[in-house]
N, C-alpha and C. Protein backbone atom coordinates (compact mmCIF):
# COMPACT_ATOMS: atom_id res chain seq x y z
N MET A 1 81.06 114.43 130.57
CA MET A 1 80.32 115.14 129.56
C MET A 1 78.84 114.84 129.72
N ILE A 2 78.03 115.85 129.63
CA ILE A 2 76.57 115.70 129.67
C ILE A 2 76.03 115.97 128.27
N ILE A 3 75.24 115.06 127.78
CA ILE A 3 74.62 115.23 126.47
C ILE A 3 73.16 115.58 126.71
N GLU A 4 72.82 116.80 126.37
CA GLU A 4 71.45 117.24 126.56
C GLU A 4 70.57 116.79 125.41
N ASN A 5 69.30 116.63 125.67
CA ASN A 5 68.29 116.24 124.68
C ASN A 5 68.60 114.91 124.00
N ALA A 6 69.30 114.03 124.70
CA ALA A 6 69.60 112.71 124.13
C ALA A 6 68.37 111.83 124.26
N THR A 7 68.15 110.99 123.27
CA THR A 7 67.07 110.02 123.35
C THR A 7 67.68 108.63 123.31
N PHE A 8 67.08 107.71 124.01
CA PHE A 8 67.57 106.35 124.09
C PHE A 8 66.48 105.41 123.59
N HIS A 9 66.91 104.40 122.86
CA HIS A 9 65.97 103.44 122.29
C HIS A 9 66.43 102.03 122.63
N GLU A 10 65.50 101.19 123.03
CA GLU A 10 65.78 99.79 123.31
C GLU A 10 65.74 99.02 122.00
N LEU A 11 66.91 98.66 121.50
CA LEU A 11 66.99 97.97 120.22
C LEU A 11 67.11 96.46 120.36
N ALA A 12 67.47 96.00 121.53
CA ALA A 12 67.73 94.58 121.71
C ALA A 12 66.48 93.73 121.54
N LYS A 13 65.30 94.28 121.71
CA LYS A 13 64.07 93.50 121.64
C LYS A 13 63.38 93.59 120.28
N ILE A 14 63.95 94.35 119.34
CA ILE A 14 63.37 94.45 118.02
C ILE A 14 63.57 93.14 117.28
N GLN A 15 62.52 92.70 116.56
CA GLN A 15 62.61 91.48 115.78
C GLN A 15 62.21 91.74 114.34
N ASP A 16 62.78 90.97 113.43
CA ASP A 16 62.43 91.09 112.02
C ASP A 16 60.93 90.87 111.85
N GLY A 17 60.28 91.75 111.13
CA GLY A 17 58.83 91.67 110.95
C GLY A 17 58.04 92.28 112.10
N GLY A 18 58.76 92.95 113.02
CA GLY A 18 58.12 93.55 114.18
C GLY A 18 57.26 94.75 113.82
N ILE A 19 56.45 95.16 114.77
CA ILE A 19 55.53 96.28 114.57
C ILE A 19 56.21 97.59 114.95
N CYS A 20 56.14 98.56 114.05
CA CYS A 20 56.68 99.89 114.29
C CYS A 20 55.81 100.59 115.33
N LEU A 21 56.45 101.15 116.36
CA LEU A 21 55.70 101.84 117.41
C LEU A 21 55.08 103.14 116.92
N CYS A 22 55.62 103.71 115.84
CA CYS A 22 55.09 104.98 115.32
C CYS A 22 53.90 104.77 114.40
N CYS A 23 54.01 103.85 113.44
CA CYS A 23 52.95 103.70 112.44
C CYS A 23 52.07 102.48 112.66
N GLY A 24 52.49 101.54 113.53
CA GLY A 24 51.68 100.37 113.82
C GLY A 24 51.74 99.28 112.77
N LYS A 25 52.59 99.42 111.76
CA LYS A 25 52.70 98.43 110.69
C LYS A 25 53.83 97.45 110.99
N ARG A 26 53.73 96.26 110.44
CA ARG A 26 54.81 95.27 110.55
C ARG A 26 55.89 95.65 109.54
N SER A 27 56.65 96.67 109.87
CA SER A 27 57.60 97.22 108.90
C SER A 27 59.06 97.13 109.33
N ILE A 28 59.34 96.50 110.45
CA ILE A 28 60.72 96.42 110.91
C ILE A 28 61.43 95.28 110.19
N SER A 29 62.57 95.59 109.58
CA SER A 29 63.38 94.55 108.96
C SER A 29 64.82 94.71 109.44
N ILE A 30 65.43 93.60 109.70
CA ILE A 30 66.80 93.59 110.21
C ILE A 30 67.70 92.99 109.13
N SER A 31 68.75 93.73 108.76
CA SER A 31 69.64 93.22 107.73
C SER A 31 71.09 93.14 108.18
N CYS A 32 71.59 94.05 108.99
CA CYS A 32 72.94 94.00 109.55
C CYS A 32 73.01 94.88 110.78
N GLY A 33 74.11 94.82 111.46
CA GLY A 33 74.28 95.62 112.66
C GLY A 33 75.38 96.64 112.53
N VAL A 34 75.41 97.56 113.46
CA VAL A 34 76.46 98.56 113.51
C VAL A 34 76.84 98.73 114.98
N GLU A 35 78.10 98.96 115.22
CA GLU A 35 78.57 99.16 116.58
C GLU A 35 77.94 100.42 117.15
N VAL A 36 77.48 100.33 118.38
CA VAL A 36 76.88 101.47 119.06
C VAL A 36 77.74 101.82 120.26
N GLY A 37 78.02 103.10 120.44
CA GLY A 37 78.74 103.54 121.62
C GLY A 37 80.25 103.60 121.46
N ASN A 38 80.75 103.71 120.25
CA ASN A 38 82.19 103.83 120.11
C ASN A 38 82.61 105.30 120.26
N ILE A 39 83.91 105.53 120.29
CA ILE A 39 84.41 106.90 120.46
C ILE A 39 85.01 107.47 119.18
N PHE A 40 84.89 106.76 118.09
CA PHE A 40 85.48 107.19 116.84
C PHE A 40 84.56 108.17 116.11
N GLN A 41 85.15 109.16 115.46
CA GLN A 41 84.40 110.16 114.69
C GLN A 41 84.25 109.65 113.26
N LEU A 42 83.31 108.76 113.03
CA LEU A 42 83.18 108.10 111.74
C LEU A 42 82.09 108.69 110.85
N GLY A 43 81.31 109.61 111.36
CA GLY A 43 80.24 110.20 110.55
C GLY A 43 79.29 109.13 110.05
N THR A 44 79.04 109.12 108.75
CA THR A 44 78.12 108.14 108.17
C THR A 44 78.86 107.10 107.32
N LYS A 45 80.17 107.00 107.51
CA LYS A 45 80.99 106.09 106.69
C LYS A 45 80.43 104.66 106.68
N TYR A 46 80.16 104.10 107.84
CA TYR A 46 79.70 102.72 107.89
C TYR A 46 78.19 102.60 107.77
N THR A 47 77.45 103.56 108.29
CA THR A 47 76.00 103.45 108.17
C THR A 47 75.56 103.56 106.71
N LYS A 48 76.24 104.39 105.91
CA LYS A 48 75.93 104.47 104.47
C LYS A 48 76.36 103.19 103.75
N SER A 49 77.55 102.66 104.08
CA SER A 49 78.03 101.47 103.39
C SER A 49 77.14 100.26 103.66
N MET A 50 76.46 100.23 104.83
CA MET A 50 75.54 99.14 105.15
C MET A 50 74.09 99.50 104.84
N ASN A 51 73.89 100.70 104.29
CA ASN A 51 72.55 101.19 103.98
C ASN A 51 71.65 101.13 105.21
N MET A 52 72.20 101.51 106.37
CA MET A 52 71.45 101.55 107.62
C MET A 52 70.74 102.90 107.69
N THR A 53 69.44 102.91 107.79
CA THR A 53 68.69 104.16 107.81
C THR A 53 67.61 104.13 108.88
N TYR A 54 67.09 105.30 109.16
CA TYR A 54 65.93 105.46 110.04
C TYR A 54 65.09 106.60 109.49
N ALA A 55 63.84 106.67 109.90
CA ALA A 55 62.97 107.77 109.49
C ALA A 55 62.91 108.79 110.62
N ASP A 56 63.22 110.05 110.32
CA ASP A 56 63.18 111.10 111.34
C ASP A 56 61.73 111.51 111.62
N GLU A 57 61.57 112.55 112.44
CA GLU A 57 60.23 113.00 112.86
C GLU A 57 59.35 113.39 111.69
N GLU A 58 59.94 113.86 110.60
CA GLU A 58 59.18 114.27 109.42
C GLU A 58 58.98 113.12 108.44
N GLY A 59 59.51 111.94 108.76
CA GLY A 59 59.39 110.79 107.88
C GLY A 59 60.47 110.71 106.82
N THR A 60 61.48 111.59 106.91
CA THR A 60 62.58 111.60 105.96
C THR A 60 63.60 110.54 106.34
N THR A 61 64.07 109.79 105.35
CA THR A 61 65.08 108.76 105.61
C THR A 61 66.42 109.43 105.89
N GLN A 62 67.06 109.01 106.97
CA GLN A 62 68.35 109.55 107.39
C GLN A 62 69.33 108.42 107.66
N TYR A 63 70.62 108.71 107.54
CA TYR A 63 71.67 107.79 107.97
C TYR A 63 72.11 108.20 109.37
N PRO A 64 72.17 107.25 110.32
CA PRO A 64 72.71 107.61 111.64
C PRO A 64 74.15 108.10 111.49
N SER A 65 74.52 109.12 112.23
CA SER A 65 75.86 109.68 112.17
C SER A 65 76.60 109.34 113.45
N MET A 66 77.78 108.77 113.30
CA MET A 66 78.58 108.37 114.44
C MET A 66 79.57 109.48 114.74
N VAL A 67 79.06 110.57 115.32
CA VAL A 67 79.86 111.74 115.63
C VAL A 67 79.59 112.14 117.07
N LEU A 68 80.64 112.44 117.81
CA LEU A 68 80.50 112.92 119.18
C LEU A 68 80.10 114.38 119.13
N ARG A 69 79.03 114.73 119.79
CA ARG A 69 78.57 116.12 119.80
C ARG A 69 78.68 116.69 121.20
N ASP A 70 79.01 117.95 121.29
CA ASP A 70 79.11 118.62 122.60
C ASP A 70 77.75 119.04 123.09
């Protein structure tokens, strides 16, 4: 399967209190983790329960969705 327009982010080097590459502020906080790269169609079940969020291109808070897309 080829996933077009996929973006990849290096998360292993992020540290609590780190500087955001987009805004330049010390705004990164780490509170819990979530499995990355599974094959289960879980949607936002676990990301919502852990309150895991990110800001999209417009600055809107979103929950990562664990869904396989074609």
